[in-house]
Amino acid sequence: MTDIYHKIGVIGAGAWGTALAQTLAGAGRDVLIWAFEPEVVDDINTRHENKLYLKDCALNPAIKATNNITDLTDRDAVLVVTPAQHMRAGLKDFVTAAPGGLPMVLCSKGIEISSGKFMSEVLEEIMPGAVTAVLSGPSFAADVVKGLPTAVTLACADWNVGAKLIKSVASPTFRPYYSSDVLGAEIGGAVKNVLAIVCGLVLGKGLGRSAHAAIIARGFAEMTRLGTALGCKPETLTGLCGLGDLVLTCSSEQSRNMSFGMALGKGQSFDDYMKDKNVVVEGAATAPALKALSQSKGVEMPICNALANVLSGQEDVNDVIGRLLAREHKTEIMS
């Protein structure tokens, strides 16, 4: 039996899906990527580029594309890179035709608004026979597609499948580390996107780097409290898919979540920011779902919940900042 998955599918040809396909092809895998847009399929197959989502990047000619998602049902493993809020609908045709026991690697970061469920829970609901894995960590598509050094977490409860996936997706510059904590990896990815918007907002408002650093540190405390309440391993959140991803996403304008936050801090609306952009700001959709989840579990997440209130129009940015600064003084580390 081979120790790798050779035929790998990628569902979603946005920037991140394309970058992952590039990495897989460079590692010698047989890669088939599904794109919704016919023009993206044509670009990848005939010109070996994806100018709609990842401009000025020459793609490996070995990458093949399709807009028929059931073409991917013959793959040994599949990476799911559709936006979190569209994953359930996006996989509808695929799950009815896919074989049982197929390894499905979730690469989107968020919580489904309609159900309050993480992506692994959604997958278990719509495709109960799949083997679930999560790929998460500090990684920008622009870096990965260029072959710049990147380290991520690959979480899977099944060690044998997880180890095989790691060998299948790894390359000299793309280094996955194994974890058995699927939910912990998802919590880190979902929460950091919300916090990145807040970090951008702080800088957009001109509140300074000291405040920015405080949001990262106190935001990490919120992430850890939620993880503890949901039963994940503390070391998961101190690793690449937690603290590592938080630091990257909250510290660079390459992050679409942080960039949106900066625009928000300067008074721009979400609709104005998204005009003429082919991107998804996962944190904006995750914020209300995260607020509902934290409240249902009795977890204190004042920073994340404040952003949800701002995005829903319940509170003004300036009022939120004043309220957070006026909170009761507390001990930093709770025993």
C-alpha atoms as a PDB file:
ATOM      1  CA  MET A   1       0.000   0.000   0.000  1.00  0.00           C
ATOM      2  CA  THR A   2       1.324   3.442  -0.920  1.00  0.00           C
ATOM      3  CA  ASP A   3       2.203   5.799   1.922  1.00  0.00           C
ATOM      4  CA  ILE A   4       0.828   8.869   0.137  1.00  0.00           C
ATOM      5  CA  TYR A   5      -2.406  10.002  -1.488  1.00  0.00           C
ATOM      6  CA  HIS A   6      -1.341  10.588  -5.080  1.00  0.00           C
ATOM      7  CA  LYS A   7      -4.585  11.781  -6.690  1.00  0.00           C
ATOM      8  CA  ILE A   8      -5.720  14.848  -4.761  1.00  0.00           C
ATOM      9  CA  GLY A   9      -8.704  17.096  -5.449  1.00  0.00           C
ATOM     10  CA  VAL A  10      -9.042  20.735  -4.438  1.00  0.00           C
ATOM     11  CA  ILE A  11     -12.567  22.157  -4.120  1.00  0.00           C
ATOM     12  CA  GLY A  12     -12.349  25.922  -4.540  1.00  0.00           C
ATOM     13  CA  ALA A  13     -10.049  27.861  -6.873  1.00  0.00           C
ATOM     14  CA  GLY A  14      -9.730  31.096  -4.931  1.00  0.00           C
ATOM     15  CA  ALA A  15      -6.289  32.357  -3.953  1.00  0.00           C
ATOM     16  CA  TRP A  16      -5.769  29.809  -1.160  1.00  0.00           C
ATOM     17  CA  GLY A  17      -7.121  26.845  -3.109  1.00  0.00           C
ATOM     18  CA  THR A  18      -4.916  27.740  -6.079  1.00  0.00           C
ATOM     19  CA  ALA A  19      -1.849  28.128  -3.865  1.00  0.00           C
ATOM     20  CA  LEU A  20      -2.458  24.714  -2.297  1.00  0.00           C
ATOM     21  CA  ALA A  21      -2.905  23.155  -5.746  1.00  0.00           C
ATOM     22  CA  GLN A  22       0.430  24.678  -6.770  1.00  0.00           C
ATOM     23  CA  THR A  23       2.138  23.176  -3.725  1.00  0.00           C
ATOM     24  CA  LEU A  24       0.630  19.753  -4.350  1.00  0.00           C
ATOM     25  CA  ALA A  25       1.618  19.767  -8.025  1.00  0.00           C
ATOM     26  CA  GLY A  26       5.146  20.807  -7.081  1.00  0.00           C
ATOM     27  CA  ALA A  27       5.302  17.820  -4.738  1.00  0.00           C
ATOM     28  CA  GLY A  28       4.445  15.539  -7.637  1.00  0.00           C
ATOM     29  CA  ARG A  29       0.782  14.914  -6.905  1.00  0.00           C
ATOM     30  CA  ASP A  30      -1.916  14.451  -9.559  1.00  0.00           C
ATOM     31  CA  VAL A  31      -4.005  17.581  -8.864  1.00  0.00           C
ATOM     32  CA  LEU A  32      -7.514  18.354 -10.067  1.00  0.00           C
ATOM     33  CA  ILE A  33      -9.047  21.635  -8.877  1.00  0.00           C
ATOM     34  CA  TRP A  34     -12.716  22.579  -9.065  1.00  0.00           C
ATOM     35  CA  ALA A  35     -13.696  26.173  -9.831  1.00  0.00           C
ATOM     36  CA  PHE A  36     -17.175  27.631 -10.009  1.00  0.00           C
ATOM     37  CA  GLU A  37     -16.265  30.123 -12.737  1.00  0.00           C
ATOM     38  CA  PRO A  38     -15.743  28.702 -16.268  1.00  0.00           C
ATOM     39  CA  GLU A  39     -13.227  31.444 -17.012  1.00  0.00           C
ATOM     40  CA  VAL A  40     -11.063  30.320 -14.100  1.00  0.00           C
ATOM     41  CA  VAL A  41     -11.138  26.723 -15.359  1.00  0.00           C
ATOM     42  CA  ASP A  42     -10.123  27.941 -18.814  1.00  0.00           C
ATOM     43  CA  ASP A  43      -7.342  30.123 -17.378  1.00  0.00           C
ATOM     44  CA  ILE A  44      -5.843  27.257 -15.399  1.00  0.00           C
ATOM     45  CA  ASN A  45      -6.108  24.667 -18.171  1.00  0.00           C
ATOM     46  CA  THR A  46      -4.990  26.767 -21.146  1.00  0.00           C
ATOM     47  CA  ARG A  47      -2.870  29.608 -19.766  1.00  0.00           C
ATOM     48  CA  HIS A  48      -1.715  28.062 -16.457  1.00  0.00           C
ATOM     49  CA  GLU A  49      -2.766  31.067 -14.415  1.00  0.00           C
ATOM     50  CA  ASN A  50      -5.659  32.262 -12.268  1.00  0.00           C
ATOM     51  CA  LYS A  51      -5.845  35.949 -13.038  1.00  0.00           C
ATOM     52  CA  LEU A  52      -9.195  36.389 -11.272  1.00  0.00           C
ATOM     53  CA  TYR A  53      -7.960  35.351  -7.821  1.00  0.00           C
ATOM     54  CA  LEU A  54      -4.163  35.124  -7.939  1.00  0.00           C
ATOM     55  CA  LYS A  55      -2.683  37.527 -10.460  1.00  0.00           C
ATOM     56  CA  ASP A  56       0.857  37.396 -11.834  1.00  0.00           C
ATOM     57  CA  CYS A  57       1.532  33.826 -10.683  1.00  0.00           C
ATOM     58  CA  ALA A  58       2.561  31.191 -13.201  1.00  0.00           C
ATOM     59  CA  LEU A  59       0.930  27.898 -12.251  1.00  0.00           C
ATOM     60  CA  ASN A  60       2.325  24.415 -12.676  1.00  0.00           C
ATOM     61  CA  PRO A  61       1.071  23.082 -16.040  1.00  0.00           C
ATOM     62  CA  ALA A  62       0.333  19.759 -14.338  1.00  0.00           C
ATOM     63  CA  ILE A  63      -2.626  21.317 -12.470  1.00  0.00           C
ATOM     64  CA  LYS A  64      -5.903  20.454 -14.166  1.00  0.00           C
ATOM     65  CA  ALA A  65      -9.204  22.264 -13.539  1.00  0.00           C
ATOM     66  CA  THR A  66     -12.893  21.423 -13.898  1.00  0.00           C
ATOM     67  CA  ASN A  67     -16.219  23.083 -13.142  1.00  0.00           C
ATOM     68  CA  ASN A  68     -17.946  19.728 -12.611  1.00  0.00           C
ATOM     69  CA  ILE A  69     -17.452  18.991  -8.917  1.00  0.00           C
ATOM     70  CA  THR A  70     -18.321  15.295  -9.300  1.00  0.00           C
ATOM     71  CA  ASP A  71     -15.133  14.880 -11.363  1.00  0.00           C
ATOM     72  CA  LEU A  72     -13.316  14.943  -8.022  1.00  0.00           C
ATOM     73  CA  THR A  73     -15.050  11.863  -6.620  1.00  0.00           C
ATOM     74  CA  ASP A  74     -12.304   9.589  -8.000  1.00  0.00           C
ATOM     75  CA  ARG A  75      -9.624  11.329  -5.912  1.00  0.00           C
ATOM     76  CA  ASP A  76      -7.693   9.626  -3.071  1.00  0.00           C
ATOM     77  CA  ALA A  77      -8.160  12.709  -0.852  1.00  0.00           C
ATOM     78  CA  VAL A  78      -9.835  16.104  -1.234  1.00  0.00           C
ATOM     79  CA  LEU A  79      -8.973  19.560   0.124  1.00  0.00           C
ATOM     80  CA  VAL A  80     -12.072  21.705   0.727  1.00  0.00           C
ATOM     81  CA  VAL A  81     -11.257  25.399   0.268  1.00  0.00           C
ATOM     82  CA  THR A  82     -14.708  26.887  -0.284  1.00  0.00           C
ATOM     83  CA  PRO A  83     -15.694  29.864   1.934  1.00  0.00           C
ATOM     84  CA  ALA A  84     -17.025  28.685   5.283  1.00  0.00           C
ATOM     85  CA  GLN A  85     -20.524  30.105   4.774  1.00  0.00           C
ATOM     86  CA  HIS A  86     -20.873  28.329   1.411  1.00  0.00           C
ATOM     87  CA  MET A  87     -19.349  24.951   2.242  1.00  0.00           C
ATOM     88  CA  ARG A  88     -22.618  23.138   2.963  1.00  0.00           C
ATOM     89  CA  ALA A  89     -24.254  24.247  -0.308  1.00  0.00           C
ATOM     90  CA  GLY A  90     -21.021  23.951  -2.269  1.00  0.00           C
ATOM     91  CA  LEU A  91     -20.543  20.291  -1.401  1.00  0.00           C
ATOM     92  CA  LYS A  92     -24.149  19.290  -2.093  1.00  0.00           C
ATOM     93  CA  ASP A  93     -23.509  17.587  -5.438  1.00  0.00           C
ATOM     94  CA  PHE A  94     -20.141  16.197  -4.361  1.00  0.00           C
ATOM     95  CA  VAL A  95     -21.261  14.399  -1.201  1.00  0.00           C
ATOM     96  CA  THR A  96     -23.987  12.446  -2.978  1.00  0.00           C
ATOM     97  CA  ALA A  97     -21.458  10.908  -5.367  1.00  0.00           C
ATOM     98  CA  ALA A  98     -18.314  10.638  -3.201  1.00  0.00           C
ATOM     99  CA  PRO A  99     -17.166   7.248  -1.873  1.00  0.00           C
ATOM    100  CA  GLY A 100     -17.293   6.451   1.846  1.00  0.00           C
ATOM    101  CA  GLY A 101     -14.160   6.854   3.929  1.00  0.00           C
ATOM    102  CA  LEU A 102     -12.748   9.613   1.722  1.00  0.00           C
ATOM    103  CA  PRO A 103     -10.234  11.874   3.553  1.00  0.00           C
ATOM    104  CA  MET A 104     -11.595  15.448   3.443  1.00  0.00           C
ATOM    105  CA  VAL A 105      -9.177  18.197   4.477  1.00  0.00           C
ATOM    106  CA  LEU A 106     -10.989  21.360   5.578  1.00  0.00           C
ATOM    107  CA  CYS A 107      -8.987  24.482   4.711  1.00  0.00           C
ATOM    108  CA  SER A 108     -11.569  27.227   5.367  1.00  0.00           C
ATOM    109  CA  LYS A 109     -11.710  29.022   8.713  1.00  0.00           C
ATOM    110  CA  GLY A 110     -15.020  29.992  10.219  1.00  0.00           C
ATOM    111  CA  ILE A 111     -18.283  29.099  11.920  1.00  0.00           C
ATOM    112  CA  GLU A 112     -21.480  28.580   9.939  1.00  0.00           C
ATOM    113  CA  ILE A 113     -23.883  31.404  10.809  1.00  0.00           C
ATOM    114  CA  SER A 114     -27.092  29.454  10.205  1.00  0.00           C
ATOM    115  CA  SER A 115     -26.184  26.557  12.518  1.00  0.00           C
ATOM    116  CA  GLY A 116     -23.389  27.855  14.763  1.00  0.00           C
ATOM    117  CA  LYS A 117     -21.315  24.823  13.767  1.00  0.00           C
ATOM    118  CA  PHE A 118     -17.645  24.529  12.912  1.00  0.00           C
ATOM    119  CA  MET A 119     -16.735  23.185   9.469  1.00  0.00           C
ATOM    120  CA  SER A 120     -15.898  19.708  10.818  1.00  0.00           C
ATOM    121  CA  GLU A 121     -19.369  19.508  12.367  1.00  0.00           C
ATOM    122  CA  VAL A 122     -20.983  20.586   9.102  1.00  0.00           C
ATOM    123  CA  LEU A 123     -18.993  17.966   7.185  1.00  0.00           C
ATOM    124  CA  GLU A 124     -19.939  15.236   9.654  1.00  0.00           C
ATOM    125  CA  GLU A 125     -23.576  16.183   9.168  1.00  0.00           C
ATOM    126  CA  ILE A 126     -23.602  16.194   5.359  1.00  0.00           C
ATOM    127  CA  MET A 127     -20.948  13.500   4.738  1.00  0.00           C
ATOM    128  CA  PRO A 128     -20.871  11.194   7.757  1.00  0.00           C
ATOM    129  CA  GLY A 129     -18.645   8.592   6.078  1.00  0.00           C
ATOM    130  CA  ALA A 130     -15.752  10.989   5.451  1.00  0.00           C
ATOM    131  CA  VAL A 131     -12.502  11.064   7.413  1.00  0.00           C
ATOM    132  CA  THR A 132     -12.186  14.667   8.592  1.00  0.00           C
ATOM    133  CA  ALA A 133      -8.929  16.619   8.723  1.00  0.00           C
ATOM    134  CA  VAL A 134      -8.190  20.327   9.155  1.00  0.00           C
ATOM    135  CA  LEU A 135      -5.325  22.283   7.593  1.00  0.00           C
ATOM    136  CA  SER A 136      -4.700  25.570   9.394  1.00  0.00           C
ATOM    137  CA  GLY A 137      -1.842  27.856  10.338  1.00  0.00           C
ATOM    138  CA  PRO A 138       0.071  31.039   9.465  1.00  0.00           C
ATOM    139  CA  SER A 139       0.014  30.989   5.684  1.00  0.00           C
ATOM    140  CA  PHE A 140      -0.633  33.611   3.026  1.00  0.00           C
ATOM    141  CA  ALA A 141      -1.543  32.336  -0.434  1.00  0.00           C
ATOM    142  CA  ALA A 142       0.936  34.742  -2.056  1.00  0.00           C
ATOM    143  CA  ASP A 143       3.790  33.217  -0.029  1.00  0.00           C
ATOM    144  CA  VAL A 144       2.776  29.598  -0.551  1.00  0.00           C
ATOM    145  CA  VAL A 145       2.301  29.885  -4.317  1.00  0.00           C
ATOM    146  CA  LYS A 146       5.831  31.342  -4.590  1.00  0.00           C
ATOM    147  CA  GLY A 147       7.289  28.454  -2.621  1.00  0.00           C
ATOM    148  CA  LEU A 148       8.285  30.548   0.390  1.00  0.00           C
ATOM    149  CA  PRO A 149       8.809  28.604   3.660  1.00  0.00           C
ATOM    150  CA  THR A 150       5.509  27.925   5.475  1.00  0.00           C
ATOM    151  CA  ALA A 151       4.596  25.744   8.466  1.00  0.00           C
ATOM    152  CA  VAL A 152       1.017  24.725   9.296  1.00  0.00           C
ATOM    153  CA  THR A 153      -0.989  22.324  11.438  1.00  0.00           C
ATOM    154  CA  LEU A 154      -2.698  19.303   9.936  1.00  0.00           C
ATOM    155  CA  ALA A 155      -5.202  17.940  12.439  1.00  0.00           C
ATOM    156  CA  CYS A 156      -6.892  14.556  12.104  1.00  0.00           C
ATOM    157  CA  ALA A 157      -8.229  12.250  14.794  1.00  0.00           C
ATOM    158  CA  ASP A 158      -7.087   9.229  12.771  1.00  0.00           C
ATOM    159  CA  TRP A 159      -3.292   9.070  13.098  1.00  0.00           C
ATOM    160  CA  ASN A 160      -2.822   6.760  10.097  1.00  0.00           C
ATOM    161  CA  VAL A 161      -4.787   9.027   7.768  1.00  0.00           C
ATOM    162  CA  GLY A 162      -3.182  12.149   9.245  1.00  0.00           C
ATOM    163  CA  ALA A 163       0.354  10.843   8.779  1.00  0.00           C
ATOM    164  CA  LYS A 164      -0.424   9.866   5.196  1.00  0.00           C
ATOM    165  CA  LEU A 165      -1.932  13.286   4.485  1.00  0.00           C
ATOM    166  CA  ILE A 166       1.152  15.012   5.864  1.00  0.00           C
ATOM    167  CA  LYS A 167       3.407  13.070   3.506  1.00  0.00           C
ATOM    168  CA  SER A 168       1.012  13.824   0.658  1.00  0.00           C
ATOM    169  CA  VAL A 169       0.847  17.621   1.057  1.00  0.00           C
ATOM    170  CA  ALA A 170       4.367  18.322   2.331  1.00  0.00           C
ATOM    171  CA  SER A 171       7.075  19.844   0.182  1.00  0.00           C
ATOM    172  CA  PRO A 172      10.549  21.223   0.915  1.00  0.00           C
ATOM    173  CA  THR A 173       8.989  24.624   1.681  1.00  0.00           C
ATOM    174  CA  PHE A 174       5.550  23.574   2.985  1.00  0.00           C
ATOM    175  CA  ARG A 175       5.838  21.833   6.362  1.00  0.00           C
ATOM    176  CA  PRO A 176       2.740  20.435   8.099  1.00  0.00           C
ATOM    177  CA  TYR A 177       2.834  19.377  11.766  1.00  0.00           C
ATOM    178  CA  TYR A 178       0.434  16.692  12.978  1.00  0.00           C
ATOM    179  CA  SER A 179      -2.227  17.205  15.648  1.00  0.00           C
ATOM    180  CA  SER A 180      -5.126  14.989  16.704  1.00  0.00           C
ATOM    181  CA  ASP A 181      -7.109  18.035  17.907  1.00  0.00           C
ATOM    182  CA  VAL A 182      -9.441  18.855  15.009  1.00  0.00           C
ATOM    183  CA  LEU A 183     -11.713  21.218  16.947  1.00  0.00           C
ATOM    184  CA  GLY A 184      -8.770  23.072  18.478  1.00  0.00           C
ATOM    185  CA  ALA A 185      -7.344  23.743  15.024  1.00  0.00           C
ATOM    186  CA  GLU A 186     -10.720  25.083  13.902  1.00  0.00           C
ATOM    187  CA  ILE A 187     -11.152  27.339  16.934  1.00  0.00           C
ATOM    188  CA  GLY A 188      -7.785  28.986  16.303  1.00  0.00           C
ATOM    189  CA  GLY A 189      -8.573  29.628  12.650  1.00  0.00           C
ATOM    190  CA  ALA A 190     -12.055  31.017  13.265  1.00  0.00           C
ATOM    191  CA  VAL A 191     -11.247  33.295  16.213  1.00  0.00           C
ATOM    192  CA  LYS A 192      -8.058  34.783  14.738  1.00  0.00           C
ATOM    193  CA  ASN A 193     -10.004  36.112  11.727  1.00  0.00           C
ATOM    194  CA  VAL A 194     -12.341  38.057  14.022  1.00  0.00           C
ATOM    195  CA  LEU A 195      -9.429  39.408  16.063  1.00  0.00           C
ATOM    196  CA  ALA A 196      -7.585  40.441  12.893  1.00  0.00           C
ATOM    197  CA  ILE A 197     -10.477  42.753  12.005  1.00  0.00           C
ATOM    198  CA  VAL A 198     -10.259  44.314  15.449  1.00  0.00           C
ATOM    199  CA  CYS A 199      -6.485  44.771  15.112  1.00  0.00           C
ATOM    200  CA  GLY A 200      -6.983  46.484  11.777  1.00  0.00           C
ATOM    201  CA  LEU A 201      -9.701  48.669  13.248  1.00  0.00           C
ATOM    202  CA  VAL A 202      -7.378  49.769  16.066  1.00  0.00           C
ATOM    203  CA  LEU A 203      -4.670  50.789  13.584  1.00  0.00           C
ATOM    204  CA  GLY A 204      -7.210  52.380  11.225  1.00  0.00           C
ATOM    205  CA  LYS A 205      -8.441  54.527  14.126  1.00  0.00           C
ATOM    206  CA  GLY A 206      -4.863  55.595  14.835  1.00  0.00           C
ATOM    207  CA  LEU A 207      -4.825  54.086  18.331  1.00  0.00           C
ATOM    208  CA  GLY A 208      -1.223  52.947  18.041  1.00  0.00           C
ATOM    209  CA  ARG A 209       0.884  49.819  18.152  1.00  0.00           C
ATOM    210  CA  SER A 210       0.624  49.455  21.919  1.00  0.00           C
ATOM    211  CA  ALA A 211      -3.137  49.029  21.646  1.00  0.00           C
ATOM    212  CA  HIS A 212      -2.616  46.698  18.685  1.00  0.00           C
ATOM    213  CA  ALA A 213      -0.328  44.444  20.739  1.00  0.00           C
ATOM    214  CA  ALA A 214      -2.798  44.472  23.627  1.00  0.00           C
ATOM    215  CA  ILE A 215      -5.589  43.272  21.335  1.00  0.00           C
ATOM    216  CA  ILE A 216      -3.434  40.354  20.140  1.00  0.00           C
ATOM    217  CA  ALA A 217      -2.595  39.320  23.713  1.00  0.00           C
ATOM    218  CA  ARG A 218      -6.079  39.766  25.187  1.00  0.00           C
ATOM    219  CA  GLY A 219      -7.625  38.272  22.055  1.00  0.00           C
ATOM    220  CA  PHE A 220      -5.477  35.189  22.518  1.00  0.00           C
ATOM    221  CA  ALA A 221      -6.848  34.945  26.060  1.00  0.00           C
ATOM    222  CA  GLU A 222     -10.373  34.930  24.596  1.00  0.00           C
ATOM    223  CA  MET A 223      -9.403  32.234  22.086  1.00  0.00           C
ATOM    224  CA  THR A 224      -7.958  30.127  24.897  1.00  0.00           C
ATOM    225  CA  ARG A 225     -11.042  30.517  27.096  1.00  0.00           C
ATOM    226  CA  LEU A 226     -13.288  29.325  24.277  1.00  0.00           C
ATOM    227  CA  GLY A 227     -10.997  26.407  23.488  1.00  0.00           C
ATOM    228  CA  THR A 228     -10.954  25.345  27.131  1.00  0.00           C
ATOM    229  CA  ALA A 229     -14.750  25.521  27.347  1.00  0.00           C
ATOM    230  CA  LEU A 230     -15.130  23.377  24.218  1.00  0.00           C
ATOM    231  CA  GLY A 231     -12.597  20.790  25.370  1.00  0.00           C
ATOM    232  CA  CYS A 232      -9.705  21.327  22.990  1.00  0.00           C
ATOM    233  CA  LYS A 233      -6.067  20.813  23.980  1.00  0.00           C
ATOM    234  CA  PRO A 234      -4.374  23.989  25.327  1.00  0.00           C
ATOM    235  CA  GLU A 235      -1.183  23.220  23.397  1.00  0.00           C
ATOM    236  CA  THR A 236      -3.120  23.334  20.120  1.00  0.00           C
ATOM    237  CA  LEU A 237      -3.862  27.021  20.585  1.00  0.00           C
ATOM    238  CA  THR A 238      -0.278  27.861  21.549  1.00  0.00           C
ATOM    239  CA  GLY A 239       0.886  26.299  18.283  1.00  0.00           C
ATOM    240  CA  LEU A 240       0.822  27.185  14.608  1.00  0.00           C
ATOM    241  CA  CYS A 241      -2.955  27.029  14.115  1.00  0.00           C
ATOM    242  CA  GLY A 242      -3.611  29.215  17.169  1.00  0.00           C
ATOM    243  CA  LEU A 243      -1.014  31.750  18.267  1.00  0.00           C
ATOM    244  CA  GLY A 244       1.021  31.396  15.075  1.00  0.00           C
ATOM    245  CA  ASP A 245      -1.895  32.181  12.791  1.00  0.00           C
ATOM    246  CA  LEU A 246      -3.119  34.921  15.129  1.00  0.00           C
ATOM    247  CA  VAL A 247       0.207  36.776  15.007  1.00  0.00           C
ATOM    248  CA  LEU A 248       0.447  36.618  11.213  1.00  0.00           C
ATOM    249  CA  THR A 249      -3.142  37.578  10.448  1.00  0.00           C
ATOM    250  CA  CYS A 250      -3.189  40.419  12.984  1.00  0.00           C
ATOM    251  CA  SER A 251       0.122  41.913  11.839  1.00  0.00           C
ATOM    252  CA  SER A 252      -0.018  42.279   8.066  1.00  0.00           C
ATOM    253  CA  GLU A 253      -2.177  44.134   5.587  1.00  0.00           C
ATOM    254  CA  GLN A 254      -1.871  41.055   3.358  1.00  0.00           C
ATOM    255  CA  SER A 255      -4.601  39.697   5.619  1.00  0.00           C
ATOM    256  CA  ARG A 256      -7.975  40.534   4.083  1.00  0.00           C
ATOM    257  CA  ASN A 257      -9.492  40.529   7.584  1.00  0.00           C
ATOM    258  CA  MET A 258      -6.978  43.037   8.926  1.00  0.00           C
ATOM    259  CA  SER A 259      -7.258  45.172   5.788  1.00  0.00           C
ATOM    260  CA  PHE A 260     -11.026  45.302   6.180  1.00  0.00           C
ATOM    261  CA  GLY A 261     -10.594  46.278   9.833  1.00  0.00           C
ATOM    262  CA  MET A 262      -8.311  49.154   8.860  1.00  0.00           C
ATOM    263  CA  ALA A 263     -10.903  50.385   6.366  1.00  0.00           C
ATOM    264  CA  LEU A 264     -13.592  50.080   9.040  1.00  0.00           C
ATOM    265  CA  GLY A 265     -11.471  52.099  11.457  1.00  0.00           C
ATOM    266  CA  LYS A 266     -11.175  54.845   8.853  1.00  0.00           C
ATOM    267  CA  GLY A 267     -14.954  55.027   8.512  1.00  0.00           C
ATOM    268  CA  GLN A 268     -15.488  52.859   5.441  1.00  0.00           C
ATOM    269  CA  SER A 269     -18.509  50.567   5.329  1.00  0.00           C
ATOM    270  CA  PHE A 270     -18.326  46.847   4.574  1.00  0.00           C
ATOM    271  CA  ASP A 271     -20.145  47.287   1.258  1.00  0.00           C
ATOM    272  CA  ASP A 272     -17.804  50.059   0.154  1.00  0.00           C
ATOM    273  CA  TYR A 273     -14.765  48.014   1.121  1.00  0.00           C
ATOM    274  CA  MET A 274     -15.958  44.952  -0.808  1.00  0.00           C
ATOM    275  CA  LYS A 275     -16.716  46.907  -3.975  1.00  0.00           C
ATOM    276  CA  ASP A 276     -14.673  45.509  -6.899  1.00  0.00           C
ATOM    277  CA  LYS A 277     -12.944  42.904  -4.648  1.00  0.00           C
ATOM    278  CA  ASN A 278     -12.874  39.158  -5.351  1.00  0.00           C
ATOM    279  CA  VAL A 279     -12.201  38.175  -1.740  1.00  0.00           C
ATOM    280  CA  VAL A 280     -14.054  36.772   1.252  1.00  0.00           C
ATOM    281  CA  VAL A 281     -13.661  38.386   4.680  1.00  0.00           C
ATOM    282  CA  GLU A 282     -14.333  35.286   6.784  1.00  0.00           C
ATOM    283  CA  GLY A 283     -14.057  37.147  10.102  1.00  0.00           C
ATOM    284  CA  ALA A 284     -17.003  39.418   9.285  1.00  0.00           C
ATOM    285  CA  ALA A 285     -19.283  36.411   8.820  1.00  0.00           C
ATOM    286  CA  THR A 286     -17.818  34.504  11.762  1.00  0.00           C
ATOM    287  CA  ALA A 287     -18.164  37.344  14.323  1.00  0.00           C
ATOM    288  CA  PRO A 288     -21.930  37.009  14.958  1.00  0.00           C
ATOM    289  CA  ALA A 289     -21.713  33.203  15.051  1.00  0.00           C
ATOM    290  CA  LEU A 290     -18.807  33.416  17.496  1.00  0.00           C
ATOM    291  CA  LYS A 291     -20.742  35.823  19.695  1.00  0.00           C
ATOM    292  CA  ALA A 292     -23.718  33.467  19.822  1.00  0.00           C
ATOM    293  CA  LEU A 293     -21.473  30.485  20.565  1.00  0.00           C
ATOM    294  CA  SER A 294     -19.536  32.220  23.350  1.00  0.00           C
ATOM    295  CA  GLN A 295     -22.726  33.421  25.010  1.00  0.00           C
ATOM    296  CA  SER A 296     -24.321  29.977  24.827  1.00  0.00           C
ATOM    297  CA  LYS A 297     -21.250  28.480  26.516  1.00  0.00           C
ATOM    298  CA  GLY A 298     -20.891  31.279  29.080  1.00  0.00           C
ATOM    299  CA  VAL A 299     -17.447  32.238  27.768  1.00  0.00           C
ATOM    300  CA  GLU A 300     -16.322  35.839  28.212  1.00  0.00           C
ATOM    301  CA  MET A 301     -15.137  37.223  24.855  1.00  0.00           C
ATOM    302  CA  PRO A 302     -15.598  41.010  25.100  1.00  0.00           C
ATOM    303  CA  ILE A 303     -13.331  41.924  22.161  1.00  0.00           C
ATOM    304  CA  CYS A 304     -14.863  39.488  19.678  1.00  0.00           C
ATOM    305  CA  ASN A 305     -18.399  40.257  20.820  1.00  0.00           C
ATOM    306  CA  ALA A 306     -17.805  43.996  20.559  1.00  0.00           C
ATOM    307  CA  LEU A 307     -16.833  43.586  16.908  1.00  0.00           C
ATOM    308  CA  ALA A 308     -20.011  41.598  16.259  1.00  0.00           C
ATOM    309  CA  ASN A 309     -22.006  44.489  17.726  1.00  0.00           C
ATOM    310  CA  VAL A 310     -20.217  47.023  15.523  1.00  0.00           C
ATOM    311  CA  LEU A 311     -20.740  44.971  12.360  1.00  0.00           C
ATOM    312  CA  SER A 312     -24.446  44.507  13.128  1.00  0.00           C
ATOM    313  CA  GLY A 313     -24.900  48.222  13.792  1.00  0.00           C
ATOM    314  CA  GLN A 314     -25.812  47.671  17.451  1.00  0.00           C
ATOM    315  CA  GLU A 315     -22.922  49.808  18.673  1.00  0.00           C
ATOM    316  CA  ASP A 316     -20.738  52.593  17.352  1.00  0.00           C
ATOM    317  CA  VAL A 317     -16.990  51.983  17.088  1.00  0.00           C
ATOM    318  CA  ASN A 318     -16.110  54.860  19.414  1.00  0.00           C
ATOM    319  CA  ASP A 319     -18.663  53.749  22.010  1.00  0.00           C
ATOM    320  CA  VAL A 320     -17.254  50.210  21.924  1.00  0.00           C
ATOM    321  CA  ILE A 321     -13.697  51.426  22.434  1.00  0.00           C
ATOM    322  CA  GLY A 322     -14.768  53.535  25.390  1.00  0.00           C
ATOM    323  CA  ARG A 323     -16.725  50.679  26.913  1.00  0.00           C
ATOM    324  CA  LEU A 324     -13.843  48.209  26.617  1.00  0.00           C
ATOM    325  CA  LEU A 325     -11.415  50.668  28.200  1.00  0.00           C
ATOM    326  CA  ALA A 326     -13.829  51.289  31.060  1.00  0.00           C
ATOM    327  CA  ARG A 327     -14.234  47.621  31.976  1.00  0.00           C
ATOM    328  CA  GLU A 328     -13.509  46.534  35.527  1.00  0.00           C
ATOM    329  CA  HIS A 329      -9.802  45.958  36.266  1.00  0.00           C
ATOM    330  CA  LYS A 330      -8.970  42.251  36.459  1.00  0.00           C
ATOM    331  CA  THR A 331      -6.120  39.841  37.086  1.00  0.00           C
ATOM    332  CA  GLU A 332      -4.390  38.983  33.814  1.00  0.00           C
ATOM    333  CA  ILE A 333      -3.956  35.260  34.548  1.00  0.00           C
ATOM    334  CA  MET A 334      -6.921  33.505  36.136  1.00  0.00           C
ATOM    335  CA  SER A 335      -6.100  30.367  38.098  1.00  0.00           C
END
